[in-house]
Structures are given as structure tokens and as C-alpha cells.
């Protein structure tokens, strides 16, 4: 019995860790230059909802990295987008073929500090019965001009 409980606990931790890395920002690329006040298309690749999970929201945020960048789970920064998350499987088109992604257009704050900044996305996923909540998190650093 103890072995089964330990196995289930370990599997739960692994599932949570996987959920935090299943999503990623593929555009803009890390290190790209973005201008203050400009519109930027954030292409987020991820997974389509699995049976037994509910995915419907995402938060895209920006923060200056004055003393280094920190996890968006500790400081989300300025929220640029707080709305639906609905990645679509693309067979062809302007984006990568055979990939699940969503394009989200945001505006870099006009008052952003020049230098290194961070664009992040945080996406909650709920189990269909509402008993488990996990977060997918991804961030990239950019150069603000």
C-alpha cells in the first residue's frame, strides 16, 4: 500500500513538472529586440486539451529584468493579455506545419525600461472535476529598445 501511495505521489509530481514545460514561446525568439510601445506577436506552442482537463485561459506579461529575470510565478509583471487560450493544430499555413500553437498580439509598454526584459505566459489547467490545478509556464528574454 505504501509503495502504491509513493508511486502515485511520484507520478503526480512528474505530471505537474511536465505540465510546466509543455508550453513554450516560439516567437519572438529569445534575445529578439522589441521596441517600447510596439505590437509583438507572441506565438505560443503547446498541447491541445487532453480528456479530463480544462484549458481556457492564458496570461501574457512583460517585466524588466533590472537585476536578472525571475520566474513569472513569483512576479508576473505587467499583464499584456488576459484572455482565452485556444491553441489550434495547424497542418499548413504561415506557422510551423503540424504544430499546435496560438498567436497572441500584445503591446510592449511604452514606459518599459530599455535593456533586458522578459515576456512570459502563464496558463492554468484544471482537471475536469476541478480537484487539481497545474500551471504551464514559459518565458523568454528580449532586448527592449
Protein backbone atom coordinates (compact mmCIF):
# COMPACT_ATOMS: atom_id res chain seq x y z
CA UNK A 1 0.00 0.00 0.00
CA UNK A 2 2.81 2.40 0.91
CA UNK A 3 4.53 1.60 -2.39
CA UNK A 4 1.34 2.41 -4.33
CA UNK A 5 0.89 5.71 -2.49
CA UNK A 6 4.53 6.63 -3.15
CA UNK A 7 4.18 5.68 -6.81
CA UNK A 8 1.03 7.81 -7.20
CA UNK A 9 2.69 10.77 -5.45
CA UNK A 10 5.75 10.49 -7.70
CA UNK A 11 3.56 10.28 -10.80
CA UNK A 12 1.65 13.37 -9.64
CA UNK A 13 4.90 15.34 -9.25
CA UNK A 14 6.10 14.20 -12.67
CA UNK A 15 2.78 15.22 -14.26
CA UNK A 16 2.97 18.66 -12.64
CA UNK A 17 6.57 19.13 -13.78
CA UNK A 18 5.63 18.05 -17.31
CA UNK A 19 2.68 20.45 -17.34
CA UNK A 20 5.01 23.32 -16.53
CA UNK A 21 7.14 22.62 -19.58
CA UNK A 22 4.57 21.54 -22.20
CA UNK A 23 4.04 25.12 -23.40
CA UNK A 24 6.70 27.35 -24.92
CA UNK A 25 7.06 30.72 -26.61
CA UNK A 26 8.49 30.17 -30.10
CA UNK A 27 8.15 33.76 -31.32
CA UNK A 28 9.66 36.20 -30.74
CA UNK A 29 12.84 34.22 -30.28
CA UNK A 30 14.89 34.65 -27.13
CA UNK A 31 17.15 37.70 -27.42
CA UNK A 32 15.00 39.42 -30.05
CA UNK A 33 14.75 43.22 -29.99
CA UNK A 34 11.34 44.74 -29.24
CA UNK A 35 10.57 48.45 -29.25
CA UNK A 36 8.70 50.20 -26.47
CA UNK A 37 5.10 50.78 -27.50
CA UNK A 38 5.28 48.31 -30.40
CA UNK A 39 2.95 45.41 -31.14
CA UNK A 40 4.51 41.97 -30.89
CA UNK A 41 3.01 38.65 -31.94
CA UNK A 42 3.71 36.05 -29.28
CA UNK A 43 3.42 32.57 -30.80
CA UNK A 44 2.77 30.04 -28.09
CA UNK A 45 3.08 26.36 -28.85
CA UNK A 46 1.51 23.84 -26.57
CA UNK A 47 -0.81 20.92 -26.47
CA UNK A 48 -4.47 20.56 -27.25
CA UNK A 49 -6.59 19.78 -24.18
CA UNK A 50 -6.48 16.17 -23.09
CA UNK A 51 -9.51 14.26 -21.92
CA UNK A 52 -10.16 15.13 -18.31
CA UNK A 53 -8.60 18.60 -18.41
CA UNK A 54 -9.92 22.10 -18.90
CA UNK A 55 -7.72 24.71 -20.60
CA UNK A 56 -9.25 28.04 -21.41
CA UNK A 57 -7.15 30.94 -20.16
CA UNK A 58 -3.70 32.43 -20.51
CA UNK A 59 -1.88 35.45 -19.16
CA UNK A 60 0.96 37.04 -21.16
CA UNK A 61 3.03 39.54 -19.23
CA UNK A 62 6.15 41.69 -19.52
CA UNK A 63 8.66 42.61 -16.85
CA UNK A 64 12.00 44.43 -16.87
CA UNK A 65 14.97 42.36 -15.70
CA UNK A 66 16.90 45.03 -13.84
CA UNK A 67 18.74 42.59 -11.56
CA UNK A 68 18.09 39.46 -13.57
CA UNK A 69 14.87 37.79 -14.61
CA UNK A 70 12.81 35.83 -12.12
CA UNK A 71 10.06 33.27 -12.52
CA UNK A 72 6.72 34.70 -13.60
CA UNK A 73 5.18 32.61 -10.83
CA UNK A 74 6.98 34.91 -8.37
CA UNK A 75 6.37 38.21 -10.21
CA UNK A 76 4.16 38.22 -13.29
CA UNK A 77 4.97 41.83 -14.18
CA UNK A 78 2.69 43.96 -16.36
CA UNK A 79 -0.18 41.92 -17.78
CA UNK A 80 -0.43 42.42 -21.55
CA UNK A 81 -3.04 39.73 -22.31
CA UNK A 82 -5.51 38.00 -20.01
CA UNK A 83 -7.97 36.06 -22.06
CA UNK A 84 -8.62 32.79 -23.84
CA UNK A 85 -6.09 30.12 -24.64
CA UNK A 86 -7.19 28.03 -27.59
CA UNK A 87 -4.23 26.53 -29.45
CA UNK A 88 -5.07 25.05 -32.84
CA UNK A 89 -3.41 22.21 -34.71
CA UNK A 90 -2.01 23.65 -37.96
CA UNK A 91 -1.40 21.31 -40.88
CA UNK A 92 -0.17 24.10 -43.18
CA UNK A 93 -0.02 27.87 -43.23
CA UNK A 94 2.25 30.71 -42.17
CA UNK A 95 3.38 29.00 -38.98
CA UNK A 96 5.15 25.73 -38.40
CA UNK A 97 3.29 22.85 -40.08
CA UNK A 98 1.93 20.04 -37.92
CA UNK A 99 2.21 22.13 -34.80
CA UNK A 100 -0.26 23.24 -32.15
CA UNK A 101 0.02 26.96 -31.48
CA UNK A 102 -1.80 30.22 -30.88
CA UNK A 103 -0.71 33.72 -31.89
CA UNK A 104 -1.35 36.40 -29.27
CA UNK A 105 -0.71 40.05 -30.20
CA UNK A 106 0.46 42.25 -27.32
CA UNK A 107 1.87 45.76 -26.99
CA UNK A 108 5.15 46.29 -25.15
CA UNK A 109 4.54 49.05 -22.57
CA UNK A 110 5.67 52.46 -23.84
CA UNK A 111 7.22 53.15 -20.44
CA UNK A 112 9.25 49.93 -20.39
CA UNK A 113 12.86 50.31 -19.30
CA UNK A 114 15.34 49.76 -22.13
CA UNK A 115 17.60 46.76 -21.77
CA UNK A 116 16.72 43.19 -20.88
CA UNK A 117 13.08 42.31 -20.40
CA UNK A 118 11.04 39.16 -20.09
CA UNK A 119 7.89 38.08 -21.90
CA UNK A 120 6.08 35.32 -20.04
CA UNK A 121 2.97 33.22 -20.38
CA UNK A 122 1.20 31.50 -17.51
CA UNK A 123 -1.57 29.05 -18.31
CA UNK A 124 -3.69 27.25 -15.70
CA UNK A 125 -5.02 23.78 -16.43
CA UNK A 126 -7.79 22.29 -14.32
CA UNK A 127 -8.82 18.67 -14.02
CA UNK A 128 -12.37 18.20 -15.31
CA UNK A 129 -13.62 17.50 -11.80
CA UNK A 130 -11.98 20.69 -10.51
CA UNK A 131 -9.82 18.95 -7.91
CA UNK A 132 -6.39 19.59 -9.44
CA UNK A 133 -4.83 22.79 -10.74
CA UNK A 134 -1.49 22.95 -12.52
CA UNK A 135 0.28 25.78 -14.31
CA UNK A 136 2.16 25.76 -17.57
CA UNK A 137 4.79 28.49 -17.60
CA UNK A 138 7.14 29.74 -20.28
CA UNK A 139 9.24 32.87 -20.63
CA UNK A 140 11.87 34.37 -22.89
CA UNK A 141 14.20 37.31 -22.50
CA UNK A 142 14.13 40.11 -25.04
CA UNK A 143 16.05 43.34 -25.58
CA UNK A 144 13.86 46.41 -25.18
CA UNK A 145 14.85 49.38 -27.35
